[in-house]
Structures are given as structure tokens and as C-alpha cells.
Amino acid sequence: MNSYPTSISITDLEQVLLQSLAALKSQHGEQGHIELKHDFYWDIPDDQLYAVYQEPQQLTIGQLSENCQIIRESQERVLTGFDLLKAAHLLRYISHTHIIL
């Protein structure tokens, strides 16, 4: 029987993000930058992402540098869920390529 929670506290999520970003800033400086050694990645369309009992029929390609541009542009407009998705792709890359001490 699965006893994992079926919801996430926004405060818990906020804390892990803030702590992770603080650790990255301590490693790379307050205005530091993280090099993107890879640019393209495989992406699964939203309608197939959580249908785990069916093999994805169509993979798409995402681009980290494009995600960076979208995030940069989001500073000048109202944020959307799309911006959060692009930030999530960047955070996923960072989680795979950088050790947070």
C-alpha cells in the first residue's frame, strides 16, 4: 500500500527551492551563472507524461537556451504556467549536472 502524500505543501516546495538556490549562489556567486553544457533535451508531451501505462508515442525536443530566453523575458510581463514549466526544465538540468552542497 502506498503511503506517499498525495499533495505538496507550497511552503515545503518553496523551502527546497530557496535552499537549493541559496546553495547555488554560494557556489557560483550572488550574480553567478550556470553554464549549459547541453542545449537540447527530450520532452514528452503533456498528455502522455503521466500516462505511465502507455509508452509515449511522440517525443519532442526542448531547448535549454530557449528556456533561458523565455525566463529572461518573463521578467517584463505577467508570469504564466508556461514560464514555470520552462524554469522546471532548467532546474531539472541543474539537478542532474550540479552538486548542491
N, C-alpha and C. Protein backbone atom coordinates (compact mmCIF):
# COMPACT_ATOMS: atom_id res chain seq x y z
N MET A 1 0.85 -1.18 0.00
CA MET A 1 0.00 0.00 0.00
C MET A 1 0.89 1.24 0.00
N ASN A 2 0.60 2.19 -0.87
CA ASN A 2 1.36 3.41 -1.00
C ASN A 2 0.98 4.40 0.10
N SER A 3 1.98 4.86 0.85
CA SER A 3 1.69 5.83 1.91
C SER A 3 2.31 7.20 1.60
N TYR A 4 2.68 7.41 0.36
CA TYR A 4 3.22 8.71 -0.03
C TYR A 4 2.11 9.75 -0.01
N PRO A 5 2.45 11.00 0.28
CA PRO A 5 1.42 12.05 0.28
C PRO A 5 0.86 12.27 -1.12
N THR A 6 -0.36 12.71 -1.20
CA THR A 6 -1.00 12.99 -2.48
C THR A 6 -1.14 14.49 -2.73
N SER A 7 -0.43 15.28 -1.93
CA SER A 7 -0.37 16.73 -2.16
C SER A 7 0.98 17.22 -1.66
N ILE A 8 1.35 18.41 -2.12
CA ILE A 8 2.61 19.00 -1.71
C ILE A 8 2.32 20.37 -1.10
N SER A 9 2.94 20.62 0.01
CA SER A 9 2.81 21.93 0.65
C SER A 9 3.60 22.95 -0.17
N ILE A 10 2.97 24.05 -0.50
CA ILE A 10 3.67 25.10 -1.24
C ILE A 10 4.84 25.61 -0.41
N THR A 11 4.68 25.68 0.88
CA THR A 11 5.77 26.11 1.77
C THR A 11 6.94 25.14 1.71
N ASP A 12 6.67 23.84 1.71
CA ASP A 12 7.75 22.85 1.60
C ASP A 12 8.48 22.99 0.27
N LEU A 13 7.73 23.16 -0.79
CA LEU A 13 8.32 23.33 -2.12
C LEU A 13 9.16 24.61 -2.17
N GLU A 14 8.61 25.66 -1.60
CA GLU A 14 9.34 26.93 -1.56
C GLU A 14 10.66 26.79 -0.81
N GLN A 15 10.64 26.08 0.30
CA GLN A 15 11.85 25.92 1.10
C GLN A 15 12.94 25.16 0.37
N VAL A 16 12.59 24.09 -0.31
CA VAL A 16 13.61 23.33 -1.03
C VAL A 16 14.16 24.15 -2.19
N LEU A 17 13.32 24.92 -2.86
CA LEU A 17 13.81 25.77 -3.94
C LEU A 17 14.70 26.88 -3.42
N LEU A 18 14.28 27.55 -2.35
CA LEU A 18 15.08 28.64 -1.78
C LEU A 18 16.43 28.13 -1.26
N GLN A 19 16.42 26.99 -0.58
CA GLN A 19 17.67 26.43 -0.07
C GLN A 19 18.59 25.99 -1.20
N SER A 20 18.02 25.42 -2.24
CA SER A 20 18.83 24.99 -3.38
C SER A 20 19.43 26.19 -4.10
N LEU A 21 18.63 27.22 -4.32
CA LEU A 21 19.13 28.41 -4.99
C LEU A 21 20.18 29.12 -4.13
N ALA A 22 19.99 29.14 -2.82
CA ALA A 22 21.00 29.73 -1.93
C ALA A 22 22.31 28.97 -2.01
N ALA A 23 22.24 27.66 -2.08
CA ALA A 23 23.46 26.84 -2.19
C ALA A 23 24.15 27.11 -3.53
N LEU A 24 23.38 27.23 -4.60
CA LEU A 24 23.98 27.54 -5.90
C LEU A 24 24.63 28.92 -5.89
N LYS A 25 23.99 29.89 -5.25
CA LYS A 25 24.57 31.23 -5.16
C LYS A 25 25.87 31.22 -4.35
N SER A 26 25.93 30.41 -3.32
CA SER A 26 27.17 30.34 -2.52
C SER A 26 28.29 29.70 -3.32
N GLN A 27 27.95 28.82 -4.25
CA GLN A 27 28.97 28.16 -5.08
C GLN A 27 29.37 29.00 -6.29
N HIS A 28 28.42 29.75 -6.86
CA HIS A 28 28.66 30.45 -8.12
C HIS A 28 28.62 31.96 -7.98
N GLY A 29 28.39 32.46 -6.78
CA GLY A 29 28.32 33.90 -6.57
C GLY A 29 26.89 34.39 -6.66
N GLU A 30 26.64 35.52 -6.04
CA GLU A 30 25.29 36.09 -5.97
C GLU A 30 24.71 36.32 -7.36
N GLN A 31 25.52 36.77 -8.29
CA GLN A 31 25.07 37.01 -9.67
C GLN A 31 25.64 35.95 -10.61
N GLY A 32 25.98 34.79 -10.07
CA GLY A 32 26.61 33.72 -10.84
C GLY A 32 25.74 33.20 -11.96
N HIS A 33 26.38 32.49 -12.85
CA HIS A 33 25.69 31.87 -13.98
C HIS A 33 26.08 30.40 -14.02
N ILE A 34 25.18 29.57 -14.48
CA ILE A 34 25.43 28.15 -14.63
C ILE A 34 25.54 27.86 -16.12
N GLU A 35 26.67 27.32 -16.51
CA GLU A 35 26.89 27.00 -17.92
C GLU A 35 25.99 25.85 -18.35
N LEU A 36 25.42 26.00 -19.52
CA LEU A 36 24.60 24.94 -20.10
C LEU A 36 25.47 24.16 -21.07
N LYS A 37 26.00 23.04 -20.61
CA LYS A 37 26.89 22.24 -21.46
C LYS A 37 26.12 21.43 -22.49
N HIS A 38 24.85 21.29 -22.27
CA HIS A 38 23.95 20.64 -23.24
C HIS A 38 22.84 21.64 -23.51
N ASP A 39 22.31 21.61 -24.70
CA ASP A 39 21.25 22.56 -25.02
C ASP A 39 19.91 21.86 -25.26
N PHE A 40 19.90 20.77 -25.98
CA PHE A 40 18.65 20.11 -26.34
C PHE A 40 18.37 18.93 -25.41
N TYR A 41 17.11 18.65 -25.21
CA TYR A 41 16.69 17.52 -24.37
C TYR A 41 15.40 16.94 -24.92
N TRP A 42 15.18 15.67 -24.57
CA TRP A 42 13.92 15.01 -24.93
C TRP A 42 12.82 15.48 -24.00
N ASP A 43 11.66 15.66 -24.56
CA ASP A 43 10.49 16.07 -23.78
C ASP A 43 9.32 15.18 -24.19
N ILE A 44 8.46 14.89 -23.25
CA ILE A 44 7.27 14.08 -23.51
C ILE A 44 6.07 15.02 -23.47
N PRO A 45 5.21 14.99 -24.48
CA PRO A 45 4.03 15.86 -24.48
C PRO A 45 3.20 15.67 -23.20
N ASP A 46 2.60 16.76 -22.76
CA ASP A 46 1.85 16.77 -21.50
C ASP A 46 0.82 15.66 -21.41
N ASP A 47 0.11 15.40 -22.48
CA ASP A 47 -0.96 14.41 -22.43
C ASP A 47 -0.44 12.98 -22.29
N GLN A 48 0.87 12.77 -22.51
CA GLN A 48 1.45 11.44 -22.39
C GLN A 48 2.36 11.30 -21.16
N LEU A 49 2.71 12.42 -20.57
CA LEU A 49 3.69 12.43 -19.49
C LEU A 49 3.28 11.58 -18.28
N TYR A 50 2.03 11.63 -17.91
CA TYR A 50 1.58 10.90 -16.72
C TYR A 50 0.77 9.65 -17.04
N ALA A 51 0.69 9.29 -18.29
CA ALA A 51 0.03 8.06 -18.71
C ALA A 51 1.09 6.95 -18.72
N VAL A 52 1.51 6.54 -17.53
CA VAL A 52 2.68 5.66 -17.40
C VAL A 52 2.43 4.23 -17.86
N TYR A 53 1.20 3.87 -18.09
CA TYR A 53 0.91 2.51 -18.55
C TYR A 53 0.88 2.42 -20.07
N GLN A 54 1.16 3.53 -20.72
CA GLN A 54 1.23 3.57 -22.18
C GLN A 54 2.57 4.17 -22.57
N GLU A 55 3.25 3.54 -23.49
CA GLU A 55 4.52 4.07 -23.95
C GLU A 55 4.28 5.35 -24.75
N PRO A 56 5.08 6.40 -24.50
CA PRO A 56 4.89 7.65 -25.25
C PRO A 56 5.00 7.40 -26.76
N GLN A 57 4.10 7.96 -27.50
CA GLN A 57 4.08 7.78 -28.95
C GLN A 57 4.85 8.88 -29.68
N GLN A 58 5.05 9.98 -29.00
CA GLN A 58 5.69 11.11 -29.66
C GLN A 58 6.57 11.85 -28.66
N LEU A 59 7.86 11.83 -28.89
CA LEU A 59 8.76 12.64 -28.09
C LEU A 59 9.01 13.95 -28.84
N THR A 60 9.15 15.02 -28.09
CA THR A 60 9.51 16.29 -28.70
C THR A 60 10.89 16.69 -28.18
N ILE A 61 11.42 17.75 -28.71
CA ILE A 61 12.73 18.22 -28.29
C ILE A 61 12.57 19.61 -27.68
N GLY A 62 13.15 19.79 -26.51
CA GLY A 62 13.18 21.10 -25.87
C GLY A 62 14.58 21.67 -25.97
N GLN A 63 14.70 22.97 -25.68
CA GLN A 63 15.98 23.64 -25.79
C GLN A 63 16.20 24.52 -24.57
N LEU A 64 17.27 24.22 -23.82
CA LEU A 64 17.56 24.95 -22.60
C LEU A 64 17.83 26.42 -22.86
N SER A 65 18.56 26.74 -23.93
CA SER A 65 18.85 28.15 -24.22
C SER A 65 17.56 28.91 -24.52
N GLU A 66 16.62 28.28 -25.19
CA GLU A 66 15.32 28.92 -25.43
C GLU A 66 14.59 29.13 -24.11
N ASN A 67 14.67 28.13 -23.22
CA ASN A 67 14.04 28.27 -21.90
C ASN A 67 14.62 29.46 -21.15
N CYS A 68 15.95 29.65 -21.25
CA CYS A 68 16.60 30.80 -20.60
C CYS A 68 16.04 32.10 -21.13
N GLN A 69 15.85 32.19 -22.43
CA GLN A 69 15.32 33.40 -23.04
C GLN A 69 13.89 33.66 -22.58
N ILE A 70 13.09 32.63 -22.51
CA ILE A 70 11.70 32.77 -22.05
C ILE A 70 11.67 33.26 -20.61
N ILE A 71 12.54 32.70 -19.77
CA ILE A 71 12.62 33.13 -18.37
C ILE A 71 13.05 34.60 -18.29
N ARG A 72 14.03 34.97 -19.07
CA ARG A 72 14.51 36.37 -19.09
C ARG A 72 13.36 37.31 -19.50
N GLU A 73 12.62 36.94 -20.53
CA GLU A 73 11.51 37.76 -21.00
C GLU A 73 10.36 37.82 -20.00
N SER A 74 10.23 36.80 -19.17
CA SER A 74 9.14 36.77 -18.19
C SER A 74 9.27 37.86 -17.15
N GLN A 75 10.47 38.42 -17.00
CA GLN A 75 10.68 39.50 -16.03
C GLN A 75 9.95 40.78 -16.45
N GLU A 76 9.55 40.85 -17.71
CA GLU A 76 8.92 42.05 -18.26
C GLU A 76 7.43 41.88 -18.53
N ARG A 77 6.85 40.77 -18.06
CA ARG A 77 5.43 40.53 -18.30
C ARG A 77 4.86 39.71 -17.15
N VAL A 78 3.60 39.45 -17.21
CA VAL A 78 2.94 38.63 -16.19
C VAL A 78 3.38 37.19 -16.37
N LEU A 79 3.76 36.54 -15.27
CA LEU A 79 4.18 35.14 -15.32
C LEU A 79 3.01 34.24 -15.69
N THR A 80 3.35 33.14 -16.36
CA THR A 80 2.34 32.15 -16.73
C THR A 80 2.82 30.77 -16.29
N GLY A 81 1.96 29.80 -16.41
CA GLY A 81 2.35 28.41 -16.13
C GLY A 81 3.44 27.94 -17.07
N PHE A 82 3.44 28.48 -18.29
CA PHE A 82 4.47 28.13 -19.27
C PHE A 82 5.85 28.54 -18.77
N ASP A 83 5.95 29.69 -18.11
CA ASP A 83 7.22 30.14 -17.54
C ASP A 83 7.69 29.18 -16.45
N LEU A 84 6.77 28.73 -15.63
CA LEU A 84 7.11 27.77 -14.59
C LEU A 84 7.61 26.47 -15.19
N LEU A 85 6.98 26.02 -16.26
CA LEU A 85 7.42 24.81 -16.95
C LEU A 85 8.85 24.97 -17.46
N LYS A 86 9.14 26.11 -18.07
CA LYS A 86 10.48 26.34 -18.62
C LYS A 86 11.51 26.42 -17.48
N ALA A 87 11.14 27.04 -16.37
CA ALA A 87 12.03 27.07 -15.20
C ALA A 87 12.25 25.65 -14.67
N ALA A 88 11.21 24.84 -14.69
CA ALA A 88 11.33 23.46 -14.22
C ALA A 88 12.30 22.66 -15.08
N HIS A 89 12.28 22.88 -16.39
CA HIS A 89 13.23 22.20 -17.27
C HIS A 89 14.66 22.60 -16.92
N LEU A 90 14.87 23.88 -16.64
CA LEU A 90 16.21 24.36 -16.27
C LEU A 90 16.62 23.79 -14.91
N LEU A 91 15.70 23.77 -13.96
CA LEU A 91 16.02 23.20 -12.65
C LEU A 91 16.32 21.71 -12.75
N ARG A 92 15.62 21.03 -13.60
CA ARG A 92 15.90 19.60 -13.79
C ARG A 92 17.31 19.41 -14.34
N TYR A 93 17.69 20.21 -15.33
CA TYR A 93 19.05 20.13 -15.88
C TYR A 93 20.08 20.40 -14.77
N ILE A 94 19.86 21.44 -14.01
CA ILE A 94 20.80 21.79 -12.93
C ILE A 94 20.87 20.67 -11.91
N SER A 95 19.74 20.05 -11.60
CA SER A 95 19.74 18.96 -10.61
C SER A 95 20.54 17.76 -11.10
N HIS A 96 20.62 17.59 -12.41
CA HIS A 96 21.38 16.48 -12.98
C HIS A 96 22.86 16.79 -13.16
N THR A 97 23.21 18.07 -13.24
CA THR A 97 24.58 18.44 -13.59
C THR A 97 25.36 19.13 -12.50
N HIS A 98 24.73 19.54 -11.42
CA HIS A 98 25.41 20.29 -10.37
C HIS A 98 25.13 19.68 -9.00
N ILE A 99 26.17 19.53 -8.25
CA ILE A 99 26.02 19.05 -6.88
C ILE A 99 25.78 20.26 -5.98
N ILE A 100 24.73 20.21 -5.23
CA ILE A 100 24.43 21.29 -4.29
C ILE A 100 24.92 20.86 -2.92
N LEU A 101 25.87 21.61 -2.41
CA LEU A 101 26.48 21.27 -1.11
C LEU A 101 25.73 21.92 0.02
